[in-house]
Amino acid sequence: MTKLLLVGESWVSSASHFKGFDQFGSVTFHTGADRFVEGMAKAGIDVTYMKAHEAAEAFPYAQEDLDAYDVLMLSDIGANTLLLPPDVWLRGERVPNRLKMIESWTRNGGGLIMIGGYLTFQGIDGRGRWHRTPVEMALPVTCLPNDDRVEIPEGASPEVVLSEHPILSGVPADWPYLLGVNEIQPKQDAETVLRLSQDHDGLPLLVTGSYGEGRTVAWASDMSEHWLPKPFLGWPGYDVLFANMVNWAAGHDNLT
């Protein structure tokens, strides 16, 4: 069974409510990975889901702790969460650089996946801050140095570039539309498996590569709303596609 560490895909929202003369605030917690985790369980993938606020302290500092997993998936979480744990941010202490540890772990055989969103790749206002990091070194793509979001409110469907790639094994051909991506740039030795149409500049959507002994995957869209709308989340190919990404990154080629 492939063991996946999913990091990110959660957030806290603070709202202010005004009712005439009176005002009050509320805080709510949200997760964006429920659909994904459910689908991976059906596909036989063992998912450890580390929420974004947990990762600041709980994400491993040592490669041997990350070795408990076959694949690491970073989804909608900025680099600062791993660079500024409480020991650094609050107490001014030194800790190992976890971005360098991820790069080393991948180079030594780990599977690394980055899922798009407002805080992965470079993200909204450039706040993801993965550009020019050791993690970017390991990915099959480079990040833009600025806000890289491409919002597509009219919808855009994926186009297949490499139909024989193992990640597409068993994936239905009736691709649903998506509503946005991060703009990413495939590296010279990477393979672009999916892209958007030329109406949307043929932007890369799914890019794979290798880094040392490890395999890497970049999925430029989200795993949930809003970039993946209900037709995509309910599509029979959702579970197959994402399970294939994970299993391929883990080193498996015979995917169904």
Foldseek 3Di string as FASTA:
>chain_A
DAEEEEEEQKDKDKDWDDDPPDIDIDIDIDGFCPLVVVLVVVVVYHYDYHYLQRCLPPPDQALVVVVVGQEYEYAQHALCSQVDRCCCPPVNDDGHRVQLSVLVSQLVAHFYEYEADQQPQLHDQRRSVPAPTSNLVFAQWHGDNGHFKDFAQVWWWKDFDDCPALLNVPADPPTGTFGIFGAIGGDPQKDQGIFTDVVSPRGGAWIKDGRNNFIYIYGGHHLGPDRQDPVNSPGPRSSSNVSSSSVVRSPDRPGD
